[in-house]
C-alpha atoms as a PDB file:
ATOM      1  CA  MET A   1       1.468  17.823   1.627  1.00  0.00           C
ATOM      2  CA  ASN A   2       3.732  18.406  -1.349  1.00  0.00           C
ATOM      3  CA  LYS A   3       6.726  16.213  -2.002  1.00  0.00           C
ATOM      4  CA  GLU A   4       9.261  18.991  -1.475  1.00  0.00           C
ATOM      5  CA  LEU A   5       7.969  19.635   2.046  1.00  0.00           C
ATOM      6  CA  VAL A   6       7.966  15.894   2.735  1.00  0.00           C
ATOM      7  CA  ILE A   7      11.624  15.675   1.740  1.00  0.00           C
ATOM      8  CA  GLN A   8      12.481  18.681   3.932  1.00  0.00           C
ATOM      9  CA  ASN A   9      10.761  17.076   6.937  1.00  0.00           C
ATOM     10  CA  ILE A  10      12.556  13.785   6.322  1.00  0.00           C
ATOM     11  CA  GLU A  11      15.918  15.545   6.071  1.00  0.00           C
ATOM     12  CA  LYS A  12      15.223  17.346   9.387  1.00  0.00           C
ATOM     13  CA  GLU A  13      14.636  13.995  11.082  1.00  0.00           C
ATOM     14  CA  PHE A  14      17.847  12.584   9.612  1.00  0.00           C
ATOM     15  CA  THR A  15      19.756  15.661  10.821  1.00  0.00           C
ATOM     16  CA  HIS A  16      18.360  15.195  14.327  1.00  0.00           C
ATOM     17  CA  GLY A  17      19.246  11.507  14.122  1.00  0.00           C
ATOM     18  CA  GLU A  18      22.832  12.215  13.124  1.00  0.00           C
ATOM     19  CA  GLN A  19      23.168  14.749  15.954  1.00  0.00           C
ATOM     20  CA  ALA A  20      21.862  12.123  18.384  1.00  0.00           C
ATOM     21  CA  ARG A  21      24.342   9.591  17.025  1.00  0.00           C
ATOM     22  CA  LYS A  22      27.237  11.987  17.641  1.00  0.00           C
ATOM     23  CA  LYS A  23      26.069  12.204  21.259  1.00  0.00           C
ATOM     24  CA  GLY A  24      25.889   8.415  21.526  1.00  0.00           C
ATOM     25  CA  ASN A  25      22.101   8.390  21.798  1.00  0.00           C
ATOM     26  CA  GLU A  26      21.194   5.449  19.553  1.00  0.00           C
ATOM     27  CA  GLY A  27      17.672   5.328  20.992  1.00  0.00           C
ATOM     28  CA  MET A  28      16.988   8.779  19.605  1.00  0.00           C
ATOM     29  CA  VAL A  29      18.535   7.751  16.281  1.00  0.00           C
ATOM     30  CA  ARG A  30      15.862   5.020  16.059  1.00  0.00           C
ATOM     31  CA  VAL A  31      13.125   7.498  16.989  1.00  0.00           C
ATOM     32  CA  CYS A  32      14.238   9.917  14.267  1.00  0.00           C
ATOM     33  CA  ALA A  33      14.496   7.110  11.705  1.00  0.00           C
ATOM     34  CA  ARG A  34      10.971   5.989  12.539  1.00  0.00           C
ATOM     35  CA  ARG A  35       9.624   9.517  12.309  1.00  0.00           C
ATOM     36  CA  ALA A  36      11.338  10.062   8.945  1.00  0.00           C
ATOM     37  CA  ALA A  37       9.778   6.859   7.618  1.00  0.00           C
ATOM     38  CA  GLY A  38       6.441   7.967   9.072  1.00  0.00           C
ATOM     39  CA  VAL A  39       6.582  11.198   7.071  1.00  0.00           C
ATOM     40  CA  ALA A  40       7.048   9.209   3.859  1.00  0.00           C
ATOM     41  CA  ILE A  41       4.332   6.716   4.787  1.00  0.00           C
ATOM     42  CA  ALA A  42       1.857   9.513   5.565  1.00  0.00           C
ATOM     43  CA  TYR A  43       2.634  11.114   2.208  1.00  0.00           C
ATOM     44  CA  TRP A  44       2.185   7.784   0.421  1.00  0.00           C
ATOM     45  CA  LEU A  45      -1.102   7.145   2.244  1.00  0.00           C
ATOM     46  CA  GLU A  46      -2.542  10.342   0.764  1.00  0.00           C
ATOM     47  CA  SER A  47      -2.795   8.570  -2.585  1.00  0.00           C
ATOM     48  CA  HIS A  48      -2.847   4.921  -1.408  1.00  0.00           C
ATOM     49  CA  ARG A  49      -5.552   4.757   1.257  1.00  0.00           C
ATOM     50  CA  ARG A  50      -5.221   2.020   3.846  1.00  0.00           C
ATOM     51  CA  ASP A  51      -7.923   1.794   6.508  1.00  0.00           C
ATOM     52  CA  GLY A  52      -6.725   1.445  10.062  1.00  0.00           C
ATOM     53  CA  TRP A  53      -3.126   2.537   9.497  1.00  0.00           C
ATOM     54  CA  GLY A  54      -3.531   5.522  11.801  1.00  0.00           C
ATOM     55  CA  ILE A  55      -1.433   8.650  11.897  1.00  0.00           C
ATOM     56  CA  ASP A  56       1.495   7.682  14.112  1.00  0.00           C
ATOM     57  CA  ALA A  57       4.712   6.347  12.623  1.00  0.00           C
ATOM     58  CA  MET A  58       4.879   3.192  14.750  1.00  0.00           C
ATOM     59  CA  ASN A  59       1.379   2.068  13.780  1.00  0.00           C
ATOM     60  CA  GLN A  60       2.102   2.828  10.138  1.00  0.00           C
ATOM     61  CA  LEU A  61       5.393   0.905  10.254  1.00  0.00           C
ATOM     62  CA  ARG A  62       3.683  -2.085  11.873  1.00  0.00           C
ATOM     63  CA  ASN A  63       1.083  -2.118   9.115  1.00  0.00           C
ATOM     64  CA  LEU A  64       3.713  -1.635   6.428  1.00  0.00           C
ATOM     65  CA  GLN A  65       5.634  -4.719   7.540  1.00  0.00           C
ATOM     66  CA  PHE A  66       2.556  -6.884   6.884  1.00  0.00           C
ATOM     67  CA  ASP A  67       1.474  -5.268   3.602  1.00  0.00           C
ATOM     68  CA  GLU A  68       2.171  -7.948   1.022  1.00  0.00           C
ATOM     69  CA  SER A  69       1.983  -5.414  -1.812  1.00  0.00           C
ATOM     70  CA  MET A  70       5.312  -4.036  -0.546  1.00  0.00           C
ATOM     71  CA  PRO A  71       8.677  -5.487  -1.551  1.00  0.00           C
ATOM     72  CA  GLN A  72      10.244  -7.809   0.981  1.00  0.00           C
ATOM     73  CA  SER A  73      13.095  -5.350   1.606  1.00  0.00           C
ATOM     74  CA  VAL A  74      10.627  -2.630   2.638  1.00  0.00           C
ATOM     75  CA  ARG A  75       8.679  -4.982   4.912  1.00  0.00           C
ATOM     76  CA  GLU A  76      11.894  -6.216   6.547  1.00  0.00           C
ATOM     77  CA  ALA A  77      13.106  -2.646   7.118  1.00  0.00           C
ATOM     78  CA  ALA A  78       9.772  -1.828   8.777  1.00  0.00           C
ATOM     79  CA  LEU A  79      10.112  -4.927  10.953  1.00  0.00           C
ATOM     80  CA  ARG A  80      13.590  -3.901  12.093  1.00  0.00           C
ATOM     81  CA  LEU A  81      12.411  -0.380  12.900  1.00  0.00           C
ATOM     82  CA  THR A  82       9.490  -1.639  14.994  1.00  0.00           C
ATOM     83  CA  THR A  83      11.383  -4.342  16.895  1.00  0.00           C
ATOM     84  CA  LYS A  84      12.017  -3.246  20.460  1.00  0.00           C
ATOM     85  CA  ILE A  85      15.552  -2.999  21.726  1.00  0.00           C
ATOM     86  CA  THR A  86      16.587  -4.795  24.896  1.00  0.00           C
ATOM     87  CA  GLU A  87      17.019  -3.211  28.298  1.00  0.00           C
ATOM     88  CA  GLN A  88      20.750  -3.175  27.541  1.00  0.00           C
ATOM     89  CA  PHE A  89      19.932  -0.988  24.519  1.00  0.00           C
ATOM     90  CA  THR A  90      20.876  -3.637  21.982  1.00  0.00           C
ATOM     91  CA  SER A  91      18.892  -4.672  18.960  1.00  0.00           C
ATOM     92  CA  ALA A  92      18.203  -8.107  17.569  1.00  0.00           C
ATOM     93  CA  PHE A  93      19.368  -6.706  14.231  1.00  0.00           C
ATOM     94  CA  HIS A  94      22.740  -5.282  13.308  1.00  0.00           C
ATOM     95  CA  THR A  95      21.540  -2.679  10.850  1.00  0.00           C
ATOM     96  CA  ASP A  96      21.470   1.086  10.905  1.00  0.00           C
ATOM     97  CA  PRO A  97      17.952   2.412  11.585  1.00  0.00           C
ATOM     98  CA  ILE A  98      18.632   5.393   9.317  1.00  0.00           C
ATOM     99  CA  GLN A  99      19.445   3.010   6.447  1.00  0.00           C
ATOM    100  CA  ASP A 100      16.287   1.008   7.144  1.00  0.00           C
ATOM    101  CA  SER A 101      14.299   4.222   7.066  1.00  0.00           C
ATOM    102  CA  LYS A 102      15.881   5.168   3.743  1.00  0.00           C
ATOM    103  CA  ILE A 103      14.854   1.819   2.214  1.00  0.00           C
ATOM    104  CA  ILE A 104      11.237   2.615   3.051  1.00  0.00           C
ATOM    105  CA  ILE A 105      11.434   6.268   2.046  1.00  0.00           C
ATOM    106  CA  ASP A 106      13.168   5.629  -1.268  1.00  0.00           C
ATOM    107  CA  TYR A 107      10.568   3.056  -2.268  1.00  0.00           C
ATOM    108  CA  LEU A 108       7.495   5.052  -1.215  1.00  0.00           C
ATOM    109  CA  LEU A 109       8.643   8.361  -2.697  1.00  0.00           C
ATOM    110  CA  GLN A 110       9.378   6.834  -6.073  1.00  0.00           C
ATOM    111  CA  LEU A 111       5.778   5.614  -6.446  1.00  0.00           C
END
């Protein structure tokens, strides 16, 4: 996949996430943020093979958070995106999932 198409797919996910936020659907915001990060991870994996990372965004994010070749900020963003929210729809972290996704995307697309 070329980088331009990757960026378009990421922007689509962010657009869907912002629409979900306007409707008060923070769960969908997290889903869109994860998918956007997954697009960047899949693109990065094309040139940085990692066995066992799979093709789904959640599995890739889980692996990313433990990859010691990644900066701490990227690993922490992946951790926040993979941490489950409570039944009351609250998170253990007080960060924006879109911002966490952008930390990952910005790092992986600059490589």
